[in-house]
Amino acid sequence: MSNLQTLIGYQAIDKNLLTIEKELAATEEKKKYAQARKFLKNAQTTLDGYENKAVALSGELSRLEAQYNEVAAELKEFSEIDFSELEENEGELAYLKKNAQGLADTLRSLKRDLASVKERMDAVTKDYKALKQKTIAMQKQFKEYKEKYAAVAKGKEAEIGSVRAQLAAMEKDIPADVLERYKGRRKEGLWPVLVPLKGDRCGFCSMDLPRAAISKLNEKGVIECENCHRLIYKE
């Protein structure tokens, strides 16, 4: 049997393995297990985001509080000034009152900013705690779903082992570079991996192959489609 015929037969047997994999993927146990795993993965990223946001808000709160205290202290100094002594100096009196009013306005603005930051911190804390509780519950479910799926998969172990043994026995008769490319495309989810040449076109996506590619196919036996990346052979 030629290398090409072996490769074609290899894919035919590999199709049996793909069928089993699809059957397992379609089970409720697998779906729930996959959903729980995806939730936990995304939840951790979200929790990390909440923590980073909380740190940033905490820093902003500290900065605003320091600024508020500084302005409040400066405004207190103005409140201790006896403006009656400056009634004769209208220019200086107006200047001081304007500065005092500016400080009061700044203080009110800072107070609003502080309230806003605290409100956002409360919201982040609330969301964090809610997601944390949900994550803890999902971790328990994940363990349960994983065990149930493992039990279902165990029932297919013998069948999968038999198919893989057949494939392993054939691999020694397939060029290493071709087998590596086949397995790479298979892992990427491409199926079928190996397709026949139809006229001068790819047997899967129907892309026209240039003469140089046809010449290379005649020489190598298998080439890769530049469009769909499947392996093309000539019948």
Protein backbone atom coordinates (compact mmCIF):
# COMPACT_ATOMS: atom_id res chain seq x y z
CA MET A 1 0.00 0.00 0.00
CA SER A 2 1.38 3.43 -0.95
CA ASN A 3 1.86 6.27 1.51
CA LEU A 4 -1.05 8.12 -0.07
CA GLN A 5 -3.40 5.16 0.20
CA THR A 6 -2.35 4.73 3.81
CA LEU A 7 -3.11 8.39 4.51
CA ILE A 8 -6.55 8.10 2.89
CA GLY A 9 -7.26 5.00 4.97
CA TYR A 10 -5.91 6.81 8.04
CA GLN A 11 -8.48 9.56 7.62
CA ALA A 12 -11.29 7.01 7.12
CA ILE A 13 -10.45 5.43 10.48
CA ASP A 14 -9.89 8.83 12.09
CA LYS A 15 -13.46 9.66 11.09
CA ASN A 16 -14.62 6.99 13.53
CA LEU A 17 -12.69 8.74 16.30
CA LEU A 18 -14.21 12.08 15.27
CA THR A 19 -17.71 10.53 15.45
CA ILE A 20 -17.06 9.34 19.02
CA GLU A 21 -15.69 12.75 19.99
CA LYS A 22 -18.80 14.43 18.62
CA GLU A 23 -21.05 12.01 20.47
CA LEU A 24 -19.29 12.79 23.74
CA ALA A 25 -19.39 16.54 23.04
CA ALA A 26 -23.15 16.34 22.49
CA THR A 27 -23.89 14.75 25.88
CA GLU A 28 -25.54 16.89 28.57
CA GLU A 29 -22.72 15.98 30.94
CA LYS A 30 -20.13 17.42 28.56
CA LYS A 31 -22.18 20.56 27.85
CA LYS A 32 -22.69 21.32 31.54
CA TYR A 33 -19.05 20.56 32.30
CA ALA A 34 -17.88 22.87 29.48
CA GLN A 35 -20.29 25.64 30.54
CA ALA A 36 -19.11 25.47 34.15
CA ARG A 37 -15.46 25.54 33.07
CA LYS A 38 -16.07 28.53 30.81
CA PHE A 39 -17.95 30.37 33.57
CA LEU A 40 -15.14 29.83 36.07
CA LYS A 41 -12.51 30.97 33.58
CA ASN A 42 -14.43 34.16 32.76
CA ALA A 43 -15.41 34.71 36.39
CA GLN A 44 -11.79 34.77 37.51
CA THR A 45 -10.96 37.39 34.90
CA THR A 46 -13.95 39.48 36.00
CA LEU A 47 -13.05 39.12 39.68
CA ASP A 48 -9.51 40.26 38.94
CA GLY A 49 -10.99 43.24 37.09
CA TYR A 50 -13.15 44.13 40.10
CA GLU A 51 -10.11 43.93 42.39
CA ASN A 52 -8.07 46.19 40.10
CA LYS A 53 -10.95 48.64 39.89
CA ALA A 54 -11.31 48.64 43.69
CA VAL A 55 -7.59 49.38 44.09
CA ALA A 56 -7.84 52.26 41.60
CA LEU A 57 -10.92 53.70 43.32
CA SER A 58 -9.28 53.36 46.71
CA GLY A 59 -6.31 55.36 45.44
CA GLU A 60 -8.63 58.00 43.97
CA LEU A 61 -10.55 58.18 47.26
CA SER A 62 -7.34 58.70 49.26
CA ARG A 63 -6.24 61.45 46.89
CA LEU A 64 -9.59 63.25 47.09
CA GLU A 65 -9.73 62.94 50.88
CA ALA A 66 -6.25 64.46 51.20
CA GLN A 67 -7.21 67.28 48.85
CA TYR A 68 -10.49 67.82 50.73
CA ASN A 69 -8.72 68.03 54.08
CA GLU A 70 -6.17 70.44 52.67
CA VAL A 71 -8.83 72.76 51.22
CA ALA A 72 -10.93 72.48 54.41
CA ALA A 73 -7.95 73.52 56.53
CA GLU A 74 -7.23 76.47 54.23
CA LEU A 75 -10.87 77.55 54.34
CA LYS A 76 -10.80 77.35 58.14
CA GLU A 77 -7.94 79.84 58.15
CA PHE A 78 -10.08 82.24 56.12
CA SER A 79 -12.98 81.82 58.55
CA GLU A 80 -10.74 83.00 61.40
CA ILE A 81 -9.92 86.29 59.68
CA ASP A 82 -11.61 89.36 61.14
CA PHE A 83 -12.90 91.00 57.96
CA SER A 84 -14.14 94.04 59.94
CA GLU A 85 -10.54 95.16 60.26
CA LEU A 86 -10.24 95.24 56.47
CA GLU A 87 -13.36 97.30 55.72
CA GLU A 88 -11.24 100.32 54.83
CA ASN A 89 -9.20 98.27 52.33
CA GLU A 90 -11.93 97.26 49.90
CA GLY A 91 -9.52 95.77 47.36
CA GLU A 92 -7.90 93.35 49.77
CA LEU A 93 -11.27 92.55 51.37
CA ALA A 94 -12.78 91.65 47.98
CA TYR A 95 -9.72 89.57 47.11
CA LEU A 96 -9.90 87.58 50.35
CA LYS A 97 -13.65 87.02 50.07
CA LYS A 98 -13.24 85.84 46.46
CA ASN A 99 -10.55 83.38 47.51
CA ALA A 100 -12.71 82.15 50.37
CA GLN A 101 -15.64 81.65 48.01
CA GLY A 102 -13.40 79.77 45.59
CA LEU A 103 -12.24 77.46 48.35
CA ALA A 104 -15.84 76.86 49.43
CA ASP A 105 -16.81 76.00 45.85
CA THR A 106 -13.83 73.65 45.55
CA LEU A 107 -14.78 71.98 48.81
CA ARG A 108 -18.34 71.37 47.60
CA SER A 109 -17.02 69.94 44.33
CA LEU A 110 -14.63 67.65 46.18
CA LYS A 111 -17.46 66.52 48.44
CA ARG A 112 -19.51 65.52 45.37
CA ASP A 113 -16.50 63.71 43.89
CA LEU A 114 -15.95 61.84 47.15
CA ALA A 115 -19.59 60.77 47.27
CA SER A 116 -19.37 59.57 43.65
CA VAL A 117 -16.21 57.53 44.27
CA LYS A 118 -17.68 55.96 47.40
CA GLU A 119 -20.84 55.08 45.46
CA ARG A 120 -18.76 53.42 42.75
CA MET A 121 -16.73 51.55 45.36
CA ASP A 122 -19.93 50.27 46.96
CA ALA A 123 -21.19 49.10 43.55
CA VAL A 124 -17.91 47.31 42.77
CA THR A 125 -17.88 45.67 46.20
CA LYS A 126 -21.47 44.53 45.76
CA ASP A 127 -20.81 43.08 42.30
CA TYR A 128 -17.63 41.41 43.52
CA LYS A 129 -19.34 39.72 46.47
CA ALA A 130 -22.26 38.54 44.29
CA LEU A 131 -19.94 37.05 41.65
CA LYS A 132 -17.72 35.51 44.34
CA GLN A 133 -20.69 33.69 45.87
CA LYS A 134 -21.83 32.49 42.44
CA THR A 135 -18.30 31.33 41.65
CA ILE A 136 -18.07 29.29 44.85
CA ALA A 137 -21.38 27.61 43.99
CA MET A 138 -20.25 26.96 40.41
CA GLN A 139 -16.98 25.42 41.60
CA LYS A 140 -19.00 22.74 43.39
CA GLN A 141 -21.13 22.17 40.30
CA PHE A 142 -18.02 22.04 38.11
CA LYS A 143 -16.61 19.21 40.20
CA GLU A 144 -19.91 17.35 39.96
CA TYR A 145 -20.23 17.85 36.17
CA LYS A 146 -16.59 16.86 35.64
CA GLU A 147 -17.08 13.57 37.50
CA LYS A 148 -20.29 12.79 35.59
CA TYR A 149 -18.64 13.50 32.24
CA ALA A 150 -15.63 11.38 33.22
CA ALA A 151 -18.01 8.47 33.88
CA VAL A 152 -19.62 8.90 30.44
CA ALA A 153 -16.22 9.17 28.72
CA LYS A 154 -15.00 6.05 30.53
CA GLY A 155 -17.70 4.07 28.76
CA LYS A 156 -16.08 5.02 25.44
CA GLU A 157 -12.49 4.31 26.49
CA ALA A 158 -12.30 0.86 24.93
CA GLU A 159 -13.75 2.04 21.64
CA ILE A 160 -11.47 5.08 21.52
CA GLY A 161 -8.46 2.96 22.44
CA SER A 162 -9.18 0.53 19.62
CA VAL A 163 -9.41 3.31 17.02
CA ARG A 164 -6.26 5.02 18.28
CA ALA A 165 -4.37 1.75 18.14
CA GLN A 166 -5.34 1.35 14.49
CA LEU A 167 -4.22 4.88 13.75
CA ALA A 168 -0.91 4.41 15.57
CA ALA A 169 -0.20 1.27 13.55
CA MET A 170 -0.68 3.20 10.30
CA GLU A 171 1.37 6.26 11.26
CA LYS A 172 4.72 4.55 10.59
CA ASP A 173 3.80 4.32 6.89
CA ILE A 174 2.95 8.02 6.54
CA PRO A 175 5.73 10.62 5.99
CA ALA A 176 6.36 12.45 9.26
CA ASP A 177 5.93 15.93 7.78
CA VAL A 178 2.60 15.01 6.16
CA LEU A 179 1.34 13.37 9.36
CA GLU A 180 2.34 16.43 11.38
CA ARG A 181 0.41 18.73 9.03
CA TYR A 182 -2.59 16.39 9.10
CA LYS A 183 -2.67 16.32 12.89
CA GLY A 184 -2.23 20.07 13.06
CA ARG A 185 -5.23 20.71 10.79
CA ARG A 186 -7.27 18.08 12.65
CA LYS A 187 -6.51 19.81 15.96
CA GLU A 188 -7.63 23.11 14.46
CA GLY A 189 -11.04 21.58 13.76
CA LEU A 190 -10.73 21.22 10.00
CA TRP A 191 -12.64 18.25 8.57
CA PRO A 192 -12.11 16.56 6.30
CA VAL A 193 -8.39 17.25 6.47
CA LEU A 194 -7.55 15.34 3.30
CA VAL A 195 -9.52 16.10 0.11
CA PRO A 196 -9.08 15.02 -3.53
CA LEU A 197 -8.20 17.30 -6.40
CA LYS A 198 -11.25 18.02 -8.56
CA GLY A 199 -10.06 19.05 -12.00
CA ASP A 200 -7.65 21.83 -11.14
CA ARG A 201 -9.50 22.81 -7.98
CA CYS A 202 -9.47 22.04 -4.28
CA GLY A 203 -11.99 19.28 -3.60
CA PHE A 204 -13.37 21.17 -0.61
CA CYS A 205 -13.41 24.93 -1.27
CA SER A 206 -13.14 24.74 -5.08
CA MET A 207 -10.28 27.23 -5.27
CA ASP A 208 -8.39 27.05 -8.58
CA LEU A 209 -4.85 25.80 -8.15
CA PRO A 210 -2.08 27.42 -10.22
CA ARG A 211 0.06 25.26 -12.50
CA ALA A 212 2.97 25.47 -10.10
CA ALA A 213 0.80 23.98 -7.34
CA ILE A 214 -0.39 21.17 -9.63
CA SER A 215 3.22 20.44 -10.56
CA LYS A 216 4.17 20.34 -6.88
CA LEU A 217 1.22 18.01 -6.19
CA ASN A 218 2.42 15.61 -8.88
CA GLU A 219 5.87 15.70 -7.30
CA LYS A 220 5.00 15.59 -3.59
CA GLY A 221 1.74 13.65 -3.63
CA VAL A 222 0.08 16.04 -1.14
CA ILE A 223 -0.06 19.83 -1.02
CA GLU A 224 -1.89 22.33 1.17
CA CYS A 225 -4.73 24.48 -0.16
CA GLU A 226 -3.82 28.14 0.26
CA ASN A 227 -7.47 29.02 0.86
CA CYS A 228 -8.96 26.41 3.24
CA HIS A 229 -5.60 24.92 4.36
CA ARG A 230 -6.74 21.33 3.80
CA LEU A 231 -4.38 18.75 2.35
CA ILE A 232 -5.05 17.99 -1.31
CA TYR A 233 -4.16 14.72 -3.02
CA LYS A 234 -4.55 13.54 -6.60
CA GLU A 235 -6.67 10.46 -7.15
